[in-house]
Amino acid sequence: MTVAFVFGGARSGKSAIGERLAAATLQGRAGTVLYIATAQVSDEEMGVRIRRHQADRPIDWHTVEEPLHVADQVRMHAETPVILIDCLSLLVNNWMFLESCDDAGFEHRKQDLIAALRGFPGLAICVSNEVGQGIVPADALTRQYRDWLGWLNQAVAAIADSVYWVAAGIPVDLRAFEARL
């Protein structure tokens, strides 16, 4: 098992860094990249975003559109050398709004995803947003989203062999600067 966690703010370049990491890892190896996309077309602008992401991917990558059951997809594709999950931020959104998860449901889904990542024999790359560096949101629902995503990000980072913070398209290897406390 190898897990790489790539996160940053909106439009930081995190998806492109995740894709570069996947391509570099696969170079010279048999197989393909499985791209697990969690986004849903909710309006015209989101449709444009999704189509742009699709056009940017190499044509030989396999894409699975999976808004909810990412852990199942990871388990089903254990023979794939590289899986790229983009993105955990939309996955949490989907758990909240498509499944109406409560705290216990979120915790179950989080633990299930972590177990699937731990059991994956290849490289699993997880892309996510960082939403906890701003002000405290004014409403309870937004605070819940921020908290759930923060907890999922922490859980993935805890098992990740490499953790990259992306700002302005530049990845910084946080494990290289990690303080051992």
C-alpha atoms as a PDB file:
ATOM      1  CA  MET A   1       0.000   0.000   0.000  1.00  0.00           C
ATOM      2  CA  THR A   2       1.124   3.484  -0.876  1.00  0.00           C
ATOM      3  CA  VAL A   3      -1.104   6.495  -0.379  1.00  0.00           C
ATOM      4  CA  ALA A   4      -0.341   9.996  -1.618  1.00  0.00           C
ATOM      5  CA  PHE A   5      -2.469  12.862  -0.344  1.00  0.00           C
ATOM      6  CA  VAL A   6      -2.599  16.057  -2.436  1.00  0.00           C
ATOM      7  CA  PHE A   7      -4.520  18.986  -1.007  1.00  0.00           C
ATOM      8  CA  GLY A   8      -4.794  22.755  -1.237  1.00  0.00           C
ATOM      9  CA  GLY A   9      -7.177  25.604  -1.783  1.00  0.00           C
ATOM     10  CA  ALA A  10      -9.571  26.132  -4.651  1.00  0.00           C
ATOM     11  CA  ARG A  11      -7.752  26.531  -7.969  1.00  0.00           C
ATOM     12  CA  SER A  12      -4.411  25.748  -6.325  1.00  0.00           C
ATOM     13  CA  GLY A  13      -3.475  23.205  -9.005  1.00  0.00           C
ATOM     14  CA  LYS A  14      -3.981  20.163  -6.785  1.00  0.00           C
ATOM     15  CA  SER A  15      -5.785  18.086  -9.435  1.00  0.00           C
ATOM     16  CA  ALA A  16      -3.018  18.728 -11.970  1.00  0.00           C
ATOM     17  CA  ILE A  17      -0.378  17.732  -9.399  1.00  0.00           C
ATOM     18  CA  GLY A  18      -2.308  14.541  -8.609  1.00  0.00           C
ATOM     19  CA  GLU A  19      -2.505  13.739 -12.312  1.00  0.00           C
ATOM     20  CA  ARG A  20       1.236  14.399 -12.797  1.00  0.00           C
ATOM     21  CA  LEU A  21       2.024  12.127  -9.855  1.00  0.00           C
ATOM     22  CA  ALA A  22      -0.186   9.376 -11.310  1.00  0.00           C
ATOM     23  CA  ALA A  23       1.399   9.671 -14.765  1.00  0.00           C
ATOM     24  CA  ALA A  24       4.939   9.681 -13.360  1.00  0.00           C
ATOM     25  CA  THR A  25       4.217   6.637 -11.198  1.00  0.00           C
ATOM     26  CA  LEU A  26       2.739   4.673 -14.094  1.00  0.00           C
ATOM     27  CA  GLN A  27       5.524   5.551 -16.533  1.00  0.00           C
ATOM     28  CA  GLY A  28       7.247   2.377 -17.679  1.00  0.00           C
ATOM     29  CA  ARG A  29       4.765   0.102 -15.869  1.00  0.00           C
ATOM     30  CA  ALA A  30       1.995  -2.051 -17.246  1.00  0.00           C
ATOM     31  CA  GLY A  31      -1.582  -1.051 -16.602  1.00  0.00           C
ATOM     32  CA  THR A  32      -3.435   2.204 -16.476  1.00  0.00           C
ATOM     33  CA  VAL A  33      -4.656   4.834 -14.062  1.00  0.00           C
ATOM     34  CA  LEU A  34      -8.149   4.492 -12.654  1.00  0.00           C
ATOM     35  CA  TYR A  35      -9.563   7.974 -12.140  1.00  0.00           C
ATOM     36  CA  ILE A  36     -12.401   7.954  -9.607  1.00  0.00           C
ATOM     37  CA  ALA A  37     -14.364  11.159 -10.137  1.00  0.00           C
ATOM     38  CA  THR A  38     -16.731  12.223  -7.358  1.00  0.00           C
ATOM     39  CA  ALA A  39     -18.208  15.329  -9.019  1.00  0.00           C
ATOM     40  CA  GLN A  40     -21.807  15.510 -10.156  1.00  0.00           C
ATOM     41  CA  VAL A  41     -23.172  17.814 -12.836  1.00  0.00           C
ATOM     42  CA  SER A  42     -25.377  20.104 -10.742  1.00  0.00           C
ATOM     43  CA  ASP A  43     -25.516  23.056 -13.139  1.00  0.00           C
ATOM     44  CA  GLU A  44     -24.093  24.240 -16.461  1.00  0.00           C
ATOM     45  CA  GLU A  45     -20.920  25.702 -14.942  1.00  0.00           C
ATOM     46  CA  MET A  46     -20.153  22.460 -13.101  1.00  0.00           C
ATOM     47  CA  GLY A  47     -20.690  20.563 -16.343  1.00  0.00           C
ATOM     48  CA  VAL A  48     -18.077  22.769 -18.014  1.00  0.00           C
ATOM     49  CA  ARG A  49     -15.628  22.111 -15.158  1.00  0.00           C
ATOM     50  CA  ILE A  50     -16.138  18.357 -15.377  1.00  0.00           C
ATOM     51  CA  ARG A  51     -15.678  18.340 -19.161  1.00  0.00           C
ATOM     52  CA  ARG A  52     -12.465  20.386 -18.799  1.00  0.00           C
ATOM     53  CA  HIS A  53     -11.103  17.876 -16.265  1.00  0.00           C
ATOM     54  CA  GLN A  54     -12.050  14.987 -18.566  1.00  0.00           C
ATOM     55  CA  ALA A  55     -10.318  16.622 -21.542  1.00  0.00           C
ATOM     56  CA  ASP A  56      -7.131  17.131 -19.505  1.00  0.00           C
ATOM     57  CA  ARG A  57      -6.782  13.415 -18.670  1.00  0.00           C
ATOM     58  CA  PRO A  58      -4.795  11.048 -20.875  1.00  0.00           C
ATOM     59  CA  ILE A  59      -7.140   9.111 -23.141  1.00  0.00           C
ATOM     60  CA  ASP A  60      -5.831   5.730 -21.947  1.00  0.00           C
ATOM     61  CA  TRP A  61      -6.866   6.373 -18.330  1.00  0.00           C
ATOM     62  CA  HIS A  62     -10.041   4.678 -17.185  1.00  0.00           C
ATOM     63  CA  THR A  63     -12.602   6.938 -15.461  1.00  0.00           C
ATOM     64  CA  VAL A  64     -15.302   5.835 -13.033  1.00  0.00           C
ATOM     65  CA  GLU A  65     -17.902   8.406 -12.026  1.00  0.00           C
ATOM     66  CA  GLU A  66     -18.633   7.526  -8.391  1.00  0.00           C
ATOM     67  CA  PRO A  67     -20.178  10.195  -6.176  1.00  0.00           C
ATOM     68  CA  LEU A  68     -20.733   8.065  -3.045  1.00  0.00           C
ATOM     69  CA  HIS A  69     -19.138   4.613  -2.829  1.00  0.00           C
ATOM     70  CA  VAL A  70     -15.471   5.331  -3.475  1.00  0.00           C
ATOM     71  CA  ALA A  71     -14.261   2.686  -1.002  1.00  0.00           C
ATOM     72  CA  ASP A  72     -16.097   0.018  -3.000  1.00  0.00           C
ATOM     73  CA  GLN A  73     -14.423   1.193  -6.219  1.00  0.00           C
ATOM     74  CA  VAL A  74     -10.986   1.057  -4.578  1.00  0.00           C
ATOM     75  CA  ARG A  75     -11.626  -2.534  -3.477  1.00  0.00           C
ATOM     76  CA  MET A  76     -13.064  -3.573  -6.865  1.00  0.00           C
ATOM     77  CA  HIS A  77      -9.983  -2.325  -8.734  1.00  0.00           C
ATOM     78  CA  ALA A  78      -7.219  -3.868  -6.624  1.00  0.00           C
ATOM     79  CA  GLU A  79      -5.392  -5.007  -9.788  1.00  0.00           C
ATOM     80  CA  THR A  80      -5.023  -1.401 -10.995  1.00  0.00           C
ATOM     81  CA  PRO A  81      -1.518  -0.040 -10.313  1.00  0.00           C
ATOM     82  CA  VAL A  82      -2.624   3.576  -9.724  1.00  0.00           C
ATOM     83  CA  ILE A  83      -5.922   5.010  -8.518  1.00  0.00           C
ATOM     84  CA  LEU A  84      -6.556   8.752  -8.452  1.00  0.00           C
ATOM     85  CA  ILE A  85      -9.539   9.916  -6.372  1.00  0.00           C
ATOM     86  CA  ASP A  86     -10.597  13.463  -7.251  1.00  0.00           C
ATOM     87  CA  CYS A  87     -11.875  14.732  -4.944  1.00  0.00           C
ATOM     88  CA  LEU A  88     -12.592  14.049  -1.292  1.00  0.00           C
ATOM     89  CA  SER A  89     -14.164  17.487  -0.839  1.00  0.00           C
ATOM     90  CA  LEU A  90     -16.971  16.653  -3.246  1.00  0.00           C
ATOM     91  CA  LEU A  91     -17.244  13.169  -1.762  1.00  0.00           C
ATOM     92  CA  VAL A  92     -18.006  14.672   1.670  1.00  0.00           C
ATOM     93  CA  ASN A  93     -20.486  17.044   0.020  1.00  0.00           C
ATOM     94  CA  ASN A  94     -22.194  14.055  -1.609  1.00  0.00           C
ATOM     95  CA  TRP A  95     -22.329  12.117   1.653  1.00  0.00           C
ATOM     96  CA  MET A  96     -23.984  15.136   3.261  1.00  0.00           C
ATOM     97  CA  PHE A  97     -26.449  16.100   0.549  1.00  0.00           C
ATOM     98  CA  LEU A  98     -27.052  12.996  -1.567  1.00  0.00           C
ATOM     99  CA  GLU A  99     -27.165  10.561   1.338  1.00  0.00           C
ATOM    100  CA  SER A 100     -28.107  12.909   4.200  1.00  0.00           C
ATOM    101  CA  CYS A 101     -25.464  11.301   6.413  1.00  0.00           C
ATOM    102  CA  ASP A 102     -25.497  11.923  10.121  1.00  0.00           C
ATOM    103  CA  ASP A 103     -22.320  11.945  12.231  1.00  0.00           C
ATOM    104  CA  ALA A 104     -22.358   8.155  12.650  1.00  0.00           C
ATOM    105  CA  GLY A 105     -22.875   7.640   8.922  1.00  0.00           C
ATOM    106  CA  PHE A 106     -19.999   9.967   8.116  1.00  0.00           C
ATOM    107  CA  GLU A 107     -17.718   8.180  10.591  1.00  0.00           C
ATOM    108  CA  HIS A 108     -18.614   4.804   9.055  1.00  0.00           C
ATOM    109  CA  ARG A 109     -17.920   6.058   5.508  1.00  0.00           C
ATOM    110  CA  LYS A 110     -14.647   7.678   6.589  1.00  0.00           C
ATOM    111  CA  GLN A 111     -13.407   4.487   8.285  1.00  0.00           C
ATOM    112  CA  ASP A 112     -14.510   2.384   5.304  1.00  0.00           C
ATOM    113  CA  LEU A 113     -12.542   4.578   2.902  1.00  0.00           C
ATOM    114  CA  ILE A 114      -9.442   4.483   5.125  1.00  0.00           C
ATOM    115  CA  ALA A 115      -9.673   0.672   5.321  1.00  0.00           C
ATOM    116  CA  ALA A 116     -10.017   0.424   1.525  1.00  0.00           C
ATOM    117  CA  LEU A 117      -6.994   2.689   1.004  1.00  0.00           C
ATOM    118  CA  ARG A 118      -4.945   0.689   3.505  1.00  0.00           C
ATOM    119  CA  GLY A 119      -5.813  -2.517   1.666  1.00  0.00           C
ATOM    120  CA  PHE A 120      -5.068  -1.209  -1.823  1.00  0.00           C
ATOM    121  CA  PRO A 121      -1.862  -2.834  -3.127  1.00  0.00           C
ATOM    122  CA  GLY A 122      -0.892  -0.108  -5.615  1.00  0.00           C
ATOM    123  CA  LEU A 123      -0.643   3.664  -5.348  1.00  0.00           C
ATOM    124  CA  ALA A 124      -3.794   5.507  -4.280  1.00  0.00           C
ATOM    125  CA  ILE A 125      -3.693   9.274  -4.815  1.00  0.00           C
ATOM    126  CA  CYS A 126      -6.330  11.289  -2.960  1.00  0.00           C
ATOM    127  CA  VAL A 127      -7.030  14.915  -3.893  1.00  0.00           C
ATOM    128  CA  SER A 128      -8.890  17.238  -1.530  1.00  0.00           C
ATOM    129  CA  ASN A 129      -9.554  20.842  -0.665  1.00  0.00           C
ATOM    130  CA  GLU A 130      -8.346  22.544   2.475  1.00  0.00           C
ATOM    131  CA  VAL A 131     -11.299  24.503   3.840  1.00  0.00           C
ATOM    132  CA  GLY A 132     -10.304  25.036   7.461  1.00  0.00           C
ATOM    133  CA  GLN A 133      -7.930  27.976   7.166  1.00  0.00           C
ATOM    134  CA  GLY A 134     -10.535  30.699   6.843  1.00  0.00           C
ATOM    135  CA  ILE A 135     -12.871  32.201   9.351  1.00  0.00           C
ATOM    136  CA  VAL A 136     -15.316  30.049  11.305  1.00  0.00           C
ATOM    137  CA  PRO A 137     -18.426  29.667   9.135  1.00  0.00           C
ATOM    138  CA  ALA A 138     -21.532  31.475  10.350  1.00  0.00           C
ATOM    139  CA  ASP A 139     -23.952  28.574   9.953  1.00  0.00           C
ATOM    140  CA  ALA A 140     -24.039  25.070  11.432  1.00  0.00           C
ATOM    141  CA  LEU A 141     -24.247  23.198   8.108  1.00  0.00           C
ATOM    142  CA  THR A 142     -21.121  24.858   6.721  1.00  0.00           C
ATOM    143  CA  ARG A 143     -19.279  24.253  10.004  1.00  0.00           C
ATOM    144  CA  GLN A 144     -20.288  20.581   9.820  1.00  0.00           C
ATOM    145  CA  TYR A 145     -18.952  20.312   6.256  1.00  0.00           C
ATOM    146  CA  ARG A 146     -15.688  21.999   7.256  1.00  0.00           C
ATOM    147  CA  ASP A 147     -15.335  19.672  10.250  1.00  0.00           C
ATOM    148  CA  TRP A 148     -16.112  16.479   8.321  1.00  0.00           C
ATOM    149  CA  LEU A 149     -13.736  17.349   5.505  1.00  0.00           C
ATOM    150  CA  GLY A 150     -11.039  18.312   7.996  1.00  0.00           C
ATOM    151  CA  TRP A 151     -11.433  14.985   9.806  1.00  0.00           C
ATOM    152  CA  LEU A 152     -11.362  13.018   6.557  1.00  0.00           C
ATOM    153  CA  ASN A 153      -8.280  14.940   5.382  1.00  0.00           C
ATOM    154  CA  GLN A 154      -6.532  14.210   8.689  1.00  0.00           C
ATOM    155  CA  ALA A 155      -7.392  10.502   8.469  1.00  0.00           C
ATOM    156  CA  VAL A 156      -6.061  10.214   4.919  1.00  0.00           C
ATOM    157  CA  ALA A 157      -2.934  12.229   5.748  1.00  0.00           C
ATOM    158  CA  ALA A 158      -2.287   9.967   8.758  1.00  0.00           C
ATOM    159  CA  ILE A 159      -1.976   6.878   6.528  1.00  0.00           C
ATOM    160  CA  ALA A 160      -0.355   8.653   3.569  1.00  0.00           C
ATOM    161  CA  ASP A 161       3.252   7.988   2.715  1.00  0.00           C
ATOM    162  CA  SER A 162       3.458  11.380   1.033  1.00  0.00           C
ATOM    163  CA  VAL A 163       1.431  14.512   1.737  1.00  0.00           C
ATOM    164  CA  TYR A 164       1.604  17.435  -0.688  1.00  0.00           C
ATOM    165  CA  TRP A 165       0.249  20.896   0.070  1.00  0.00           C
ATOM    166  CA  VAL A 166      -0.336  22.713  -3.237  1.00  0.00           C
ATOM    167  CA  ALA A 167      -0.286  26.507  -3.496  1.00  0.00           C
ATOM    168  CA  ALA A 168      -0.195  28.392  -6.806  1.00  0.00           C
ATOM    169  CA  GLY A 169       0.539  25.148  -8.647  1.00  0.00           C
ATOM    170  CA  ILE A 170       3.580  24.347  -6.502  1.00  0.00           C
ATOM    171  CA  PRO A 171       3.515  21.151  -4.425  1.00  0.00           C
ATOM    172  CA  VAL A 172       5.278  21.212  -1.071  1.00  0.00           C
ATOM    173  CA  ASP A 173       6.157  17.849   0.490  1.00  0.00           C
ATOM    174  CA  LEU A 174       4.872  18.226   4.048  1.00  0.00           C
ATOM    175  CA  ARG A 175       6.432  14.935   5.184  1.00  0.00           C
ATOM    176  CA  ALA A 176       9.846  16.485   4.459  1.00  0.00           C
ATOM    177  CA  PHE A 177       9.088  19.277   6.937  1.00  0.00           C
ATOM    178  CA  GLU A 178       7.078  17.220   9.422  1.00  0.00           C
ATOM    179  CA  ALA A 179       7.874  17.860  13.073  1.00  0.00           C
ATOM    180  CA  ARG A 180       8.017  14.603  14.995  1.00  0.00           C
ATOM    181  CA  LEU A 181       6.221  15.302  18.263  1.00  0.00           C
END
